Amino acid sequence: MEVTAAEKPPIKRKPGPLLIKEAARKMPKTEQVQIKTTTTHTPSVEQQIFFKEIMETIMGSDETKRTEAIHCLRTDPGLQPLIPRFSNAIAEGVRCNLIQETVAFLIYLMRIIEAFVQNNTINIEKCLHELIPPIISCLVVRSPGIDVGPRSASWTLREFCAKLLHKIVQRYKIPQLKERLVRVFSNAFTRRDPYLPTLYGVIFAINLFGPEVIENILFPNLSAVKNAINSYRPINERRFNQERTQQEKANDFEKRSNFLV
């Protein structure tokens, strides 16, 4: 039996991030009231839908939709009430993805912060205490599992974080913020075993902060940079050398076995 177009059941489509507000306006008012009365700080249903859809889209696999979602965060004037929720999600997301060593997700989270900084209709200054530490963590992280070679996306992540910190300092004239960041950069050179990818991110940031920072922080620590360069070997190179050593041992054992025969 053939089903006509009029008899076909409607197909439910998941709303895209740019249609969230329209979808939320159609929800029953009673449902919105019930959620709002839980606490005065609880986001409305519309805001909860927006937050959920935006985060799922940005952390998803569709780059086109991710770009649209980032653009929405960069231009939407109604994001201010959701900034604390975004900040908390970003901080937790960075913590988890540093442990799991998923560089792509870390970059996506940094792009969210960048979108907020570029959105002139909102102010994230009150949440910078929660947002700056994750940025610094991505900049100076010591993780051989993340830094798997010169073409690793982790180098891009570090550059992105350095630029993001500089943008924050430029937009928010917070007293002593620049000085505190410079101290963080300086500490990277004082470790007993300086890690080259970390120093790369720090040096990239120092270059953005001007010649005075370069002169005071980088120049006195050039010997540490040299030592880090000489001692650094990417994890994939170490694995290759380990495998080569094992193969050489196997070949040597085989030669000795043939000689004994």
Protein backbone atom coordinates (compact mmCIF):
# COMPACT_ATOMS: atom_id res chain seq x y z
CA MET A 1 0.00 0.00 0.00
CA GLU A 2 1.47 3.33 -1.04
CA VAL A 3 1.54 6.13 1.52
CA THR A 4 0.69 9.54 0.18
CA ALA A 5 2.64 12.65 1.10
CA ALA A 6 -0.24 13.83 3.26
CA GLU A 7 -0.22 10.58 5.27
CA LYS A 8 3.53 10.53 5.92
CA PRO A 9 4.43 11.29 9.54
CA PRO A 10 6.36 14.53 10.01
CA ILE A 11 10.11 14.15 10.35
CA LYS A 12 11.53 15.73 13.50
CA ARG A 13 14.68 17.67 12.76
CA LYS A 14 17.23 18.68 15.33
CA PRO A 15 17.41 22.49 15.39
CA GLY A 16 20.71 24.03 14.37
CA PRO A 17 22.48 26.47 16.68
CA LEU A 18 21.19 29.50 14.79
CA LEU A 19 17.57 28.36 15.21
CA ILE A 20 17.73 27.78 18.95
CA LYS A 21 16.06 31.00 20.01
CA GLU A 22 13.22 30.48 17.55
CA ALA A 23 12.65 26.95 18.87
CA ALA A 24 12.76 28.07 22.47
CA ARG A 25 10.13 30.76 21.94
CA LYS A 26 7.68 28.05 20.90
CA MET A 27 8.04 26.14 24.18
CA PRO A 28 5.20 26.36 26.73
CA LYS A 29 5.49 29.35 29.07
CA THR A 30 4.66 27.19 32.08
CA GLU A 31 7.78 25.08 31.51
CA GLN A 32 9.93 28.19 31.43
CA VAL A 33 8.39 29.46 34.68
CA GLN A 34 9.00 26.16 36.46
CA ILE A 35 12.70 26.22 35.67
CA LYS A 36 13.18 29.92 36.39
CA THR A 37 11.68 29.62 39.86
CA THR A 38 14.28 27.06 40.97
CA THR A 39 16.81 29.86 41.51
CA THR A 40 17.20 33.38 40.24
CA HIS A 41 20.55 32.43 38.69
CA THR A 42 19.26 29.45 36.73
CA PRO A 43 19.35 30.08 32.96
CA SER A 44 16.04 30.13 31.14
CA VAL A 45 14.98 27.22 28.95
CA GLU A 46 15.96 29.24 25.90
CA GLN A 47 19.44 29.84 27.30
CA GLN A 48 19.86 26.19 28.31
CA ILE A 49 18.96 25.03 24.80
CA PHE A 50 21.29 27.61 23.28
CA PHE A 51 24.19 26.55 25.52
CA LYS A 52 23.69 22.83 24.88
CA GLU A 53 23.36 23.18 21.11
CA ILE A 54 26.29 25.56 20.76
CA MET A 55 28.64 23.32 22.77
CA GLU A 56 27.57 20.18 20.91
CA THR A 57 28.04 21.91 17.57
CA ILE A 58 31.46 23.34 18.38
CA MET A 59 32.74 20.04 19.76
CA GLY A 60 31.18 18.08 16.89
CA SER A 61 32.69 16.90 13.62
CA ASP A 62 31.05 19.33 11.19
CA GLU A 63 33.49 22.19 10.56
CA THR A 64 30.94 24.28 8.67
CA LYS A 65 28.46 24.18 11.57
CA ARG A 66 31.29 24.78 14.03
CA THR A 67 32.28 27.94 12.14
CA GLU A 68 28.66 29.13 12.23
CA ALA A 69 28.44 28.48 15.97
CA ILE A 70 31.70 30.35 16.63
CA HIS A 71 30.42 33.26 14.54
CA CYS A 72 27.25 33.26 16.64
CA LEU A 73 29.30 33.54 19.85
CA ARG A 74 31.35 36.31 18.28
CA THR A 75 28.32 38.44 17.41
CA ASP A 76 25.37 37.51 19.68
CA PRO A 77 24.60 40.38 22.11
CA GLY A 78 22.61 38.19 24.52
CA LEU A 79 25.37 35.91 25.79
CA GLN A 80 26.26 37.73 29.01
CA PRO A 81 24.06 35.62 31.36
CA LEU A 82 25.63 32.42 29.98
CA ILE A 83 29.29 33.44 30.33
CA PRO A 84 29.72 31.79 33.78
CA ARG A 85 28.27 28.53 32.46
CA PHE A 86 30.51 28.62 29.38
CA SER A 87 33.51 29.43 31.57
CA ASN A 88 32.88 26.47 33.83
CA ALA A 89 32.40 24.12 30.87
CA ILE A 90 35.60 25.35 29.22
CA ALA A 91 37.66 24.91 32.39
CA GLU A 92 36.36 21.37 32.88
CA GLY A 93 36.73 20.58 29.19
CA VAL A 94 40.36 21.66 29.14
CA ARG A 95 41.12 19.62 32.25
CA CYS A 96 39.61 16.46 30.75
CA ASN A 97 41.10 16.88 27.27
CA LEU A 98 44.58 17.59 28.59
CA ILE A 99 44.38 14.26 30.40
CA GLN A 100 43.06 12.51 27.29
CA GLU A 101 45.53 14.44 25.08
CA THR A 102 42.92 15.45 22.49
CA VAL A 103 44.44 18.55 20.94
CA ALA A 104 41.57 19.23 18.52
CA PHE A 105 39.04 19.60 21.34
CA LEU A 106 41.42 21.90 23.21
CA ILE A 107 41.64 24.14 20.14
CA TYR A 108 37.84 24.21 19.86
CA LEU A 109 37.55 25.32 23.49
CA MET A 110 40.14 28.06 22.94
CA ARG A 111 38.17 29.27 19.93
CA ILE A 112 35.15 29.75 22.19
CA ILE A 113 37.16 32.03 24.49
CA GLU A 114 38.51 33.94 21.49
CA ALA A 115 34.95 34.47 20.22
CA PHE A 116 33.99 35.96 23.60
CA VAL A 117 36.98 38.29 23.55
CA GLN A 118 36.04 39.44 20.05
CA ASN A 119 32.38 40.00 20.98
CA ASN A 120 32.22 43.69 21.87
CA THR A 121 28.68 43.39 23.27
CA ILE A 122 29.70 41.21 26.24
CA ASN A 123 32.26 41.44 29.04
CA ILE A 124 34.05 38.36 30.36
CA GLU A 125 36.30 40.19 32.82
CA LYS A 126 34.56 38.69 35.87
CA CYS A 127 35.23 35.19 34.54
CA LEU A 128 38.85 35.69 33.49
CA HIS A 129 40.00 34.13 36.77
CA GLU A 130 38.41 30.91 35.48
CA LEU A 131 39.35 31.27 31.80
CA ILE A 132 43.00 32.36 31.93
CA PRO A 133 44.33 29.27 33.81
CA PRO A 134 43.05 26.85 31.11
CA ILE A 135 44.66 29.01 28.42
CA ILE A 136 47.97 28.98 30.29
CA SER A 137 47.68 25.21 30.82
CA CYS A 138 47.35 24.66 27.07
CA LEU A 139 50.26 27.01 26.44
CA VAL A 140 52.79 25.42 28.82
CA VAL A 141 51.53 21.83 29.09
CA ARG A 142 54.27 19.17 29.30
CA SER A 143 52.82 16.15 27.55
CA PRO A 144 54.82 13.97 25.14
CA GLY A 145 51.54 12.38 24.08
CA ILE A 146 50.35 15.73 22.76
CA ASP A 147 53.63 16.80 21.19
CA VAL A 148 54.12 13.96 18.72
CA GLY A 149 56.39 15.75 16.29
CA PRO A 150 57.09 19.03 14.51
CA ARG A 151 53.82 18.81 12.57
CA SER A 152 51.70 18.19 15.66
CA ALA A 153 48.62 20.37 16.11
CA SER A 154 49.89 21.09 19.62
CA TRP A 155 52.29 23.68 18.21
CA THR A 156 49.30 25.45 16.64
CA LEU A 157 47.46 25.19 19.96
CA ARG A 158 50.33 26.90 21.79
CA GLU A 159 50.50 29.71 19.22
CA PHE A 160 46.73 30.19 19.46
CA CYS A 161 46.88 30.41 23.26
CA ALA A 162 49.72 32.94 23.14
CA LYS A 163 47.75 35.16 20.77
CA LEU A 164 44.63 34.75 22.90
CA LEU A 165 46.41 35.88 26.08
CA HIS A 166 47.72 38.92 24.23
CA LYS A 167 44.22 39.80 23.00
CA ILE A 168 42.85 39.53 26.54
CA VAL A 169 45.56 41.86 27.87
CA GLN A 170 44.86 44.34 25.09
CA ARG A 171 41.09 44.42 25.61
CA TYR A 172 40.87 44.21 29.40
CA LYS A 173 43.19 46.71 31.07
CA ILE A 174 43.43 44.71 34.28
CA PRO A 175 46.13 45.98 36.64
CA GLN A 176 49.19 43.73 36.79
CA LEU A 177 47.67 41.08 34.49
CA LYS A 178 50.51 41.47 32.00
CA GLU A 179 53.10 41.32 34.79
CA ARG A 180 51.59 38.12 36.19
CA LEU A 181 51.58 36.49 32.77
CA VAL A 182 55.21 37.50 32.23
CA ARG A 183 56.11 35.80 35.52
CA VAL A 184 54.45 32.62 34.24
CA PHE A 185 56.51 32.86 31.05
CA SER A 186 59.69 33.40 33.06
CA ASN A 187 59.05 30.34 35.24
CA ALA A 188 59.11 28.10 32.17
CA PHE A 189 62.86 28.74 31.84
CA THR A 190 63.71 27.95 35.45
CA ARG A 191 62.82 24.28 35.41
CA ARG A 192 65.67 21.81 35.73
CA ASP A 193 64.63 20.09 32.51
CA PRO A 194 63.05 22.74 30.25
CA TYR A 195 60.64 21.23 27.73
CA LEU A 196 61.07 22.53 24.18
CA PRO A 197 57.37 22.60 23.11
CA THR A 198 56.56 24.54 26.28
CA LEU A 199 59.41 26.97 25.64
CA TYR A 200 58.19 27.38 22.07
CA GLY A 201 54.76 28.49 23.28
CA VAL A 202 56.28 30.80 25.89
CA ILE A 203 58.73 32.36 23.41
CA PHE A 204 55.89 32.87 20.92
CA ALA A 205 53.94 34.69 23.64
CA ILE A 206 56.95 36.73 24.77
CA ASN A 207 57.42 37.97 21.22
CA LEU A 208 53.84 39.29 21.22
CA PHE A 209 54.32 41.17 24.48
CA GLY A 210 56.99 43.48 23.13
CA PRO A 211 60.74 44.13 23.04
CA GLU A 212 61.00 44.92 26.76
CA VAL A 213 59.70 41.47 27.70
CA ILE A 214 61.96 39.87 25.10
CA GLU A 215 64.99 41.65 26.54
CA ASN A 216 64.18 40.94 30.18
CA ILE A 217 62.90 37.36 29.91
CA LEU A 218 64.15 35.71 26.72
CA PHE A 219 67.71 37.01 26.33
CA PRO A 220 68.88 35.96 29.83
CA ASN A 221 67.51 32.45 29.22
CA LEU A 222 68.92 31.67 25.77
CA SER A 223 71.15 28.96 27.26
CA ALA A 224 68.06 27.14 28.58
CA VAL A 225 66.52 27.34 25.10
CA LYS A 226 69.70 25.92 23.57
CA ASN A 227 69.77 23.02 26.03
CA ALA A 228 66.10 22.26 25.39
CA ILE A 229 66.68 22.22 21.64
CA ASN A 230 69.67 19.90 21.96
CA SER A 231 67.89 17.46 24.25
CA TYR A 232 64.45 17.43 22.61
CA ARG A 233 63.34 14.39 20.69
CA PRO A 234 59.66 14.00 19.68
CA ILE A 235 57.88 10.94 20.97
CA ASN A 236 57.50 9.47 17.50
CA GLU A 237 61.27 9.73 16.98
CA ARG A 238 61.92 8.04 20.32
CA ARG A 239 59.54 5.24 19.40
CA PHE A 240 61.26 4.89 16.03
CA ASN A 241 64.67 4.65 17.68
CA GLN A 242 63.36 2.16 20.24
CA GLU A 243 61.90 0.01 17.48
CA ARG A 244 65.14 0.28 15.48
CA THR A 245 67.17 -0.77 18.51
CA GLN A 246 64.90 -3.76 19.06
CA GLN A 247 65.21 -4.71 15.39
CA GLU A 248 69.00 -4.39 15.52
CA LYS A 249 69.08 -6.68 18.54
CA ALA A 250 66.88 -9.18 16.72
CA ASN A 251 69.13 -9.06 13.64
CA ASP A 252 72.23 -9.49 15.79
CA PHE A 253 70.70 -12.48 17.55
CA GLU A 254 69.80 -13.99 14.17
CA LYS A 255 73.37 -13.56 12.91
CA ARG A 256 74.79 -15.24 15.99
CA SER A 257 72.32 -18.08 15.65
CA ASN A 258 73.34 -18.62 12.03
CA PHE A 259 77.00 -18.61 13.04
CA LEU A 260 76.41 -21.25 15.67
CA VAL A 261 74.59 -23.45 13.16
